[in-house]
Amino acid sequence: MTRWGLTTLAFLLLLACAAGAAGRLLGRRPDAGRSVLVTVVASWLGAYVLWTFLGGLLLAYGVLRAYDGGVFGLVALGAGALHYRVHRRVGREQGLAVFVGGQILWLIIVLVRNGILMS
């Protein structure tokens, strides 16, 4: 999955560069939306890598019974889209609040799925 994540990030970076170059050729001024998109995607890919690493460690040491990184991918897609929209419309700080909220949501999902949060 790490190769998939890195390939996706590289593709998005190349796509952003191509869009920027095409915009300059057409005479449009640079847009901050591309840089926000790259920031949001990189943040969520980094979170995916860290959560997968931590989940693997906790599985190996018997703290967790189950960890499914694919579900985090779905959470990351939804929360990442919301993160991008909030960042663009309201501001960076509120966008980061959505990012942190997504991480807390994922922690709660992992704890509930493993029976740690619910007795």
C-alpha atoms as a PDB file:
ATOM      1  CA  MET A   1       0.000   0.000   0.000  1.00  0.00           C
ATOM      2  CA  THR A   2       2.907   2.376   0.548  1.00  0.00           C
ATOM      3  CA  ARG A   3       3.863   2.138  -3.130  1.00  0.00           C
ATOM      4  CA  TRP A   4       0.278   2.955  -4.051  1.00  0.00           C
ATOM      5  CA  GLY A   5       0.315   6.001  -1.795  1.00  0.00           C
ATOM      6  CA  LEU A   6       3.632   7.272  -3.127  1.00  0.00           C
ATOM      7  CA  THR A   7       2.544   6.659  -6.710  1.00  0.00           C
ATOM      8  CA  THR A   8      -0.668   8.589  -6.083  1.00  0.00           C
ATOM      9  CA  LEU A   9       1.227  11.485  -4.509  1.00  0.00           C
ATOM     10  CA  ALA A  10       3.723  11.591  -7.389  1.00  0.00           C
ATOM     11  CA  PHE A  11       0.895  11.523  -9.925  1.00  0.00           C
ATOM     12  CA  LEU A  12      -0.950  14.354  -8.186  1.00  0.00           C
ATOM     13  CA  LEU A  13       2.208  16.442  -7.960  1.00  0.00           C
ATOM     14  CA  LEU A  14       2.910  15.944 -11.672  1.00  0.00           C
ATOM     15  CA  LEU A  15      -0.711  16.741 -12.490  1.00  0.00           C
ATOM     16  CA  ALA A  16      -0.534  19.937 -10.420  1.00  0.00           C
ATOM     17  CA  CYS A  17       2.680  20.975 -12.183  1.00  0.00           C
ATOM     18  CA  ALA A  18       1.137  20.294 -15.590  1.00  0.00           C
ATOM     19  CA  ALA A  19      -1.997  22.259 -14.668  1.00  0.00           C
ATOM     20  CA  GLY A  20       0.137  25.167 -13.477  1.00  0.00           C
ATOM     21  CA  ALA A  21       2.203  25.159 -16.656  1.00  0.00           C
ATOM     22  CA  ALA A  22      -0.925  24.978 -18.818  1.00  0.00           C
ATOM     23  CA  GLY A  23      -2.479  27.850 -16.896  1.00  0.00           C
ATOM     24  CA  ARG A  24       0.594  30.015 -17.389  1.00  0.00           C
ATOM     25  CA  LEU A  25       0.616  29.232 -21.098  1.00  0.00           C
ATOM     26  CA  LEU A  26      -3.021  30.321 -21.295  1.00  0.00           C
ATOM     27  CA  GLY A  27      -2.241  33.543 -19.436  1.00  0.00           C
ATOM     28  CA  ARG A  28      -3.979  32.737 -16.164  1.00  0.00           C
ATOM     29  CA  ARG A  29      -2.491  33.724 -12.865  1.00  0.00           C
ATOM     30  CA  PRO A  30      -1.450  31.024 -10.370  1.00  0.00           C
ATOM     31  CA  ASP A  31      -4.162  29.730  -8.065  1.00  0.00           C
ATOM     32  CA  ALA A  32      -3.620  28.860  -4.401  1.00  0.00           C
ATOM     33  CA  GLY A  33      -6.053  25.948  -4.762  1.00  0.00           C
ATOM     34  CA  ARG A  34      -3.399  23.674  -6.233  1.00  0.00           C
ATOM     35  CA  SER A  35      -1.007  24.241  -3.365  1.00  0.00           C
ATOM     36  CA  VAL A  36      -3.809  23.642  -0.859  1.00  0.00           C
ATOM     37  CA  LEU A  37      -4.715  20.413  -2.677  1.00  0.00           C
ATOM     38  CA  VAL A  38      -1.125  19.178  -2.569  1.00  0.00           C
ATOM     39  CA  THR A  39      -0.903  20.061   1.130  1.00  0.00           C
ATOM     40  CA  VAL A  40      -4.132  18.230   1.964  1.00  0.00           C
ATOM     41  CA  VAL A  41      -3.203  15.135  -0.056  1.00  0.00           C
ATOM     42  CA  ALA A  42       0.283  15.004   1.478  1.00  0.00           C
ATOM     43  CA  SER A  43      -1.179  15.391   4.982  1.00  0.00           C
ATOM     44  CA  TRP A  44      -3.620  12.525   4.537  1.00  0.00           C
ATOM     45  CA  LEU A  45      -1.057  10.265   2.868  1.00  0.00           C
ATOM     46  CA  GLY A  46       1.317  10.925   5.754  1.00  0.00           C
ATOM     47  CA  ALA A  47      -1.454  10.131   8.222  1.00  0.00           C
ATOM     48  CA  TYR A  48      -2.168   6.907   6.314  1.00  0.00           C
ATOM     49  CA  VAL A  49       1.470   5.839   6.551  1.00  0.00           C
ATOM     50  CA  LEU A  50       1.683   6.629  10.270  1.00  0.00           C
ATOM     51  CA  TRP A  51      -1.628   4.955  11.134  1.00  0.00           C
ATOM     52  CA  THR A  52      -0.713   1.847   9.128  1.00  0.00           C
ATOM     53  CA  PHE A  53       2.670   1.630  10.855  1.00  0.00           C
ATOM     54  CA  LEU A  54       1.132   2.088  14.293  1.00  0.00           C
ATOM     55  CA  GLY A  55      -1.679  -0.374  13.537  1.00  0.00           C
ATOM     56  CA  GLY A  56       0.845  -2.985  12.385  1.00  0.00           C
ATOM     57  CA  LEU A  57       2.896  -2.547  15.543  1.00  0.00           C
ATOM     58  CA  LEU A  58      -0.143  -2.793  17.790  1.00  0.00           C
ATOM     59  CA  LEU A  59      -1.291  -5.928  15.944  1.00  0.00           C
ATOM     60  CA  ALA A  60       2.161  -7.496  16.264  1.00  0.00           C
ATOM     61  CA  TYR A  61       2.262  -6.888  20.018  1.00  0.00           C
ATOM     62  CA  GLY A  62      -1.297  -8.089  20.577  1.00  0.00           C
ATOM     63  CA  VAL A  63      -2.793  -4.777  21.672  1.00  0.00           C
ATOM     64  CA  LEU A  64      -5.283  -4.799  18.788  1.00  0.00           C
ATOM     65  CA  ARG A  65      -7.201  -7.792  17.450  1.00  0.00           C
ATOM     66  CA  ALA A  66      -8.000  -6.221  14.072  1.00  0.00           C
ATOM     67  CA  TYR A  67      -6.762  -3.282  12.053  1.00  0.00           C
ATOM     68  CA  ASP A  68      -7.950  -2.553   8.517  1.00  0.00           C
ATOM     69  CA  GLY A  69      -6.086   0.235   6.748  1.00  0.00           C
ATOM     70  CA  GLY A  70      -8.526   0.155   3.840  1.00  0.00           C
ATOM     71  CA  VAL A  71     -11.254   1.596   6.023  1.00  0.00           C
ATOM     72  CA  PHE A  72      -8.911   4.445   6.915  1.00  0.00           C
ATOM     73  CA  GLY A  73      -8.608   5.105   3.187  1.00  0.00           C
ATOM     74  CA  LEU A  74     -12.354   5.700   3.024  1.00  0.00           C
ATOM     75  CA  VAL A  75     -12.260   7.947   6.090  1.00  0.00           C
ATOM     76  CA  ALA A  76      -9.295   9.828   4.591  1.00  0.00           C
ATOM     77  CA  LEU A  77     -11.099  10.392   1.281  1.00  0.00           C
ATOM     78  CA  GLY A  78     -14.179  11.826   2.932  1.00  0.00           C
ATOM     79  CA  ALA A  79     -12.381  13.855   5.571  1.00  0.00           C
ATOM     80  CA  GLY A  80      -9.751  14.961   3.043  1.00  0.00           C
ATOM     81  CA  ALA A  81     -12.416  16.385   0.746  1.00  0.00           C
ATOM     82  CA  LEU A  82     -13.980  18.199   3.688  1.00  0.00           C
ATOM     83  CA  HIS A  83     -10.519  19.358   4.829  1.00  0.00           C
ATOM     84  CA  TYR A  84      -9.851  20.855   1.380  1.00  0.00           C
ATOM     85  CA  ARG A  85     -13.218  22.637   1.197  1.00  0.00           C
ATOM     86  CA  VAL A  86     -12.933  24.090   4.701  1.00  0.00           C
ATOM     87  CA  HIS A  87      -9.328  25.184   4.102  1.00  0.00           C
ATOM     88  CA  ARG A  88     -10.294  26.987   0.887  1.00  0.00           C
ATOM     89  CA  ARG A  89     -13.475  28.616   2.188  1.00  0.00           C
ATOM     90  CA  VAL A  90     -12.752  29.420   5.836  1.00  0.00           C
ATOM     91  CA  GLY A  91      -9.010  29.206   6.374  1.00  0.00           C
ATOM     92  CA  ARG A  92      -6.005  27.117   7.250  1.00  0.00           C
ATOM     93  CA  GLU A  93      -6.664  26.787  10.980  1.00  0.00           C
ATOM     94  CA  GLN A  94     -10.203  25.505  10.500  1.00  0.00           C
ATOM     95  CA  GLY A  95      -8.937  23.103   7.824  1.00  0.00           C
ATOM     96  CA  LEU A  96      -6.400  21.744  10.275  1.00  0.00           C
ATOM     97  CA  ALA A  97      -9.199  21.321  12.816  1.00  0.00           C
ATOM     98  CA  VAL A  98     -10.989  19.089  10.286  1.00  0.00           C
ATOM     99  CA  PHE A  99      -7.745  17.125   9.813  1.00  0.00           C
ATOM    100  CA  VAL A 100      -7.353  16.573  13.556  1.00  0.00           C
ATOM    101  CA  GLY A 101     -11.043  15.704  13.849  1.00  0.00           C
ATOM    102  CA  GLY A 102     -10.589  13.062  11.138  1.00  0.00           C
ATOM    103  CA  GLN A 103      -7.700  11.550  13.070  1.00  0.00           C
ATOM    104  CA  ILE A 104      -9.769  11.444  16.270  1.00  0.00           C
ATOM    105  CA  LEU A 105     -12.660   9.864  14.358  1.00  0.00           C
ATOM    106  CA  TRP A 106     -10.322   7.149  13.057  1.00  0.00           C
ATOM    107  CA  LEU A 107      -8.960   6.506  16.563  1.00  0.00           C
ATOM    108  CA  ILE A 108     -12.511   6.082  17.853  1.00  0.00           C
ATOM    109  CA  ILE A 109     -13.341   3.693  14.978  1.00  0.00           C
ATOM    110  CA  VAL A 110     -10.254   1.567  15.736  1.00  0.00           C
ATOM    111  CA  LEU A 111     -11.002   1.482  19.452  1.00  0.00           C
ATOM    112  CA  VAL A 112     -14.666   0.521  18.914  1.00  0.00           C
ATOM    113  CA  ARG A 113     -13.791  -2.188  16.367  1.00  0.00           C
ATOM    114  CA  ASN A 114     -11.368  -3.748  18.853  1.00  0.00           C
ATOM    115  CA  GLY A 115     -13.731  -3.536  21.807  1.00  0.00           C
ATOM    116  CA  ILE A 116     -11.441  -1.223  23.764  1.00  0.00           C
ATOM    117  CA  LEU A 117     -13.770   1.769  23.903  1.00  0.00           C
ATOM    118  CA  MET A 118     -16.976  -0.206  24.448  1.00  0.00           C
ATOM    119  CA  SER A 119     -16.994  -2.599  27.397  1.00  0.00           C
END
